[in-house]
Each structure stands twice: as structure tokens, then as C-alpha cells.
Amino acid sequence: MRTHTLLPVALLGLLLLGASCNETETGTEKQGDTPEETPAEDSPGETGDAPKKEKTTEIEEENDVMVLHINNFARAVNENRYLLVEFYAPWCGHCKQLEPAYAEAAGRLKAGEPVIRLAKVDATEEMELAEEFSITGFPMLKLFINGERKQPIDFTGRRSSDAIITWLKRRTGPGVPVLDSVESAARFIDSHNIAVVGFFDDLESEAAKGFKQIALDDVDSEFALTSNPKVFKKYEVKSNSVVLFKKNDDDRADFALPDDGKLDKEKFIEFIAVNSLELIIPFSEKTSQQIFSSSIRVHALLFINSTVESQTSLMKESKTVAQKFKGKMLFVFINMTDMAGVTPEVLKYFGVSKGDAPTARIISMETEKKYAISPANLTTSSLEELCQEVMDGTAKPYYKSEDIPDDWNKGPVKVLVGKNFDAVVSDPTKNVLVEFYAPWCVHCQQLAEVWEKLAEKYVDHADIIIAKLDATANEAESFEVDSYPQIKYFPAGGKETVDYTGKMDLETLSKFLDDGGVLPEEEKDDENEEDEEDDKNDEAEDEEEADEPAALPTNKTKDEL
């Protein structure tokens, strides 16, 4: 039996599992993902006994999406002013996930914007077209304009129906609107939750052109330009700059251009990403991608019961704290009465129950360290104090723990939790062998019988303890789990902890204990060879599954049940 190496766990990975369990609709993957190996039963060209339909120049549709191939592709491109084409593979998980959103966008555009049409090409069947347009992954979307097929525009938006439509309208519409009066500027700013306005003396300057280019790809904000001095004066803008107006928080953020007047694209995109978010972001499927992709790696979570007025008031008052740490920390609101896709595992990961609201947790996405404020102590002052301590590096991490079971010491296998872990493993008179497991882990379940027999074998050894700890529900400062099952040996006398890497059978485990925590050399060699082979197999599996939509794992990822 081998252990499964675990991926690092971070807050939003868990949140996203509850929200959508894949990244296709949030657009986090590359434009074309690396194709997986085609399953034998789905191999291109294998259609059983069914005869292939003759390909003509006629164009058929499936759910308002044109079905294209080598014989009708040119006609579709020439007859449609704007044509977005998806190059897909029938077996591609991301393509399957995109299909309903793509069809919805196609129907809406066909009805309301007939000059914009959507089409698809089976790139595994139409190899000639795939080669012509350099299709290297699936799905890959390209926009053809006015019959031009030599340089189509790569789709860079998110893969939801709304995002597809917005991206297309930006590319095919009149462009960024110009606000030529105070009245038009006021109407524009007041009518959008996020309004990004470029204030430029010259609308044909390089900075203004760069602003327009960025506006084409950002489908989450509305953009406009102005060079009108009265508009400058109205909004107290004295030099070339960009202002982001945010209705939700009645807030604005200014991005001043340097003396040379150049618009730094990366800094500007980062400016929009940071400032377009609400001060306290209500977690939902729609906002999850913004949170998860943010460059801000420290997140403060407020677990609030929205039906309790005092708790909603507390959250509103906490905006002052969020404002103080803006740009350094993201504040996220988890509604305990409407979990909006947040799985129970999220609560378990943070050691929060529904009855704990209001409470707060802070997590560093880099170190995975968590910090907590109990319900009784949560105020805006205590929240601000903890945030500052986390920023200063002086905060004490929070480690979750179940309550110590009354019978934890009665059976052959001792049951450890976070609260009694240190006391047991640091006993100078005991040699303690601990299995860190996950209840859902198949390998842990297979090991359970062996572990029980091992404990029974050494039950009369006063200096040996066989124990187990559910690492999905318990943490301690002195240990870190990166695989399930993971076995550690804590020798008596405070000697250095030993990671067990041998075979997980009764005989080998017994030898390990009898030899004082030393594994025979041949066992190490055998296990290393097995690990290397497992690594190769895992790499092959990862490549094979690269384009499948994410799903709830069995025992690959820590805490992702």
C-alpha cells in the first residue's frame, strides 16, 4: 500500500469545490488546455457501424451553435461578420463543461445580436482545420471578423455565457465610450457598480490606447474615457489618470500616471483587480474566482448569520477594518444561513460550526497558517488588532481540535486530537507511533485492520503507544501532514521524530518498532523504488486527467472531501 502525496491546501481551493468544482466557467485555465490521452472507446473516427454523414457546404446547427467542418467552414466565416469558433474534442472534460454556457450564449446572441454567431469544430476530426489554426489544446476559441481567417483573435474571456457575450460585444461594438460632458459622466458612473474612467488630455495618446486595449478583455468592469476639462474638475482630477468608481462601497480609487505619461499595463490590471472588489466580499460562485485569483494572499473570513441584525451590523462596521488593510488583506463574508456553495468541509477546515457565528478566521494562503477570533471576543477592535498582528507576524496561529474523547485511552489504538496530541507524543517515557489519517482516504481504510492488530500486539508494552489522529479535523503546531495515511514515530526521551516510509504491513511495522524506529535498509530501498514508480504513475495520471473537469477527489487532496 502506498501513501498519496497531497496538494497544498488553501482556503479558496476548498471554497471553489463547493462553488463549482471546476475552473472552466471561471476562466482560470489557459485558453487551450493540454489535451488528455483519448480513451480507446472514444477514439476519433471510431463510430461503430453507424455510417458517417456526408459533409457538404450546408451548415447545420445544434442548440443555435453552427456545426462546422472542412467543407462548410469557409462559407460560415464569409457569411457571418463576427464568428466565434470553438475548437473542441468530444472527450474533453472542459469542453463538455463549456457546452451549456456556450449554447446559451449562442441562443441569446442569435436572438438579439444576429451579426454575432457562435460555431464549433471537432478538432479531433477536422485535423486540417486544427493544423491551420494551430490548435494545441481544448477548448480553444477564436473570433473571425469580416471573413478574415489568417489572423483570428484568441478568446481571452471567462467561459460563462455572460462573460462570452460581454467579451464579444466589447470586441465587436463601437469601443470604449467617450464622456463628453459632466452629465454623461454622471450617468455612466451612477449606472454601473464598477465604473473605470480614464482621464486623458489626449484620447489618441499611447496611454489612452493602452486603456482601450485593456478594456476589451476585462468583462467585469465598465470602461469609459474623457478629455473634457469640466469632467476633470467635477471629479477633482488634476492630471492624466484613471479613476475606479465603486458604487457598492461608495468608494473610489485613483491610478495616477507617471510623469512620462505611460500606462503600465500590469500595474493597471492589478489596480483594477484589487480595487474592484468590495471591501467585504460576499462569497458566491460568481465572486469565488475573483477571490481565488487575487494576488492578495492573506484572507480574513467573517462567518456571519445574516438573519441576526447585530451580526449584520458587525459586518458593516467591519468595513472600516477592511478599508485600513485594503490591498494587504481580502475580507470575505460567509453567510451561515445561505452557504452559497460552501461545503461543510470548509467549516471543518476552519474549525467552525454553524452555531459559532459570528466568528472570524484569517488564513495566509502562502503558509496555510490560520488565526482565529472566538464568537465571544469578536468586535471590530479585536478584528483590527488580530489583522495587525498577522501583518506584523506576531499573531499566534490557531490550531483546530476536536474535543478529547472520554474513551480515547481505553482501546488498543489510542485516539488523539489536537488538544491531547502534544501531551501524548512528548511523554519522555513513551515511544509513540501515530497514524495521521483522513476518514475518506481509501488507503487509510485499508490500513485500519493492520493498525488495530499492531496495537493489540503491543498493548502490553508499557513504553509503546499505537495511536491515530484524524488530520482533517485536528491540527497541532508540532506536526504537519502532507499525505494520507502518514505515519510518524515519536521516540521516548525527546529524540528526533522519524517518518515511517516502509511497507504498511504488520510484519514490517513490528520490525520497525522492535528496532527502535529503524527501518531495515532493504525496506527503504524497496519503498523508494516503489515511490519512484508511483510518482511516474501519478504523473501519467495527472497528464491523462489534465483536461477533465475538477471533481471531488477521493484521497488526493487534503481536506477536499
Foldseek 3Di string as FASTA:
>chain_A
DAWFFFDDDDQLVLLLQLFPQFCQQVQPDDLFFAAFDDDPVQQPPDDDPDDDDDDALDWDDDLLATEDAPHNPLVVLQVAQKEKEWAAAPPFASCVVLVVQQSVLQVVCVVPPVSYHYYYYDCSHRVVVCVQVVRRGPTWMWMRGNSDDNDTHTQRWGRGNQGVNLLVCCVPDPFAAEDEDLVSVVVQLVVFQKEKEWAALDCPDQQNVLVRVVQSHDSPHHYHYYNHVVNCVVVVNDHTWMKIQGPVVRDIDIGDADPVRHDDNVVVVLVCLQPRAQLEHEDASVCSSSVVPRPQQKEKEWEAAVVDVVRVVQVVVLSVLSVVCRPNYHHYYQHLVCRRSNDVLSCLQQVHDSVFPGWMKMAGNVVRFIAIDGSVGDGSVVVSVQVVCVVVVNGDTDKFWDDQDPCQPPALAGEDIQVCVCVVLQAQQAKEKEWAAAPLAPVQVVLVVQLNVLSVVCVVPPRYHYYYYDVSRTDYPVDDDRIPGWMWIRAHRRDDIDTDQFDSGNVQVVVCVVVRNDGDPVRVVVSVVVVVVVVVVVVSVCSNCRRRGRHQDRGHHRSRD
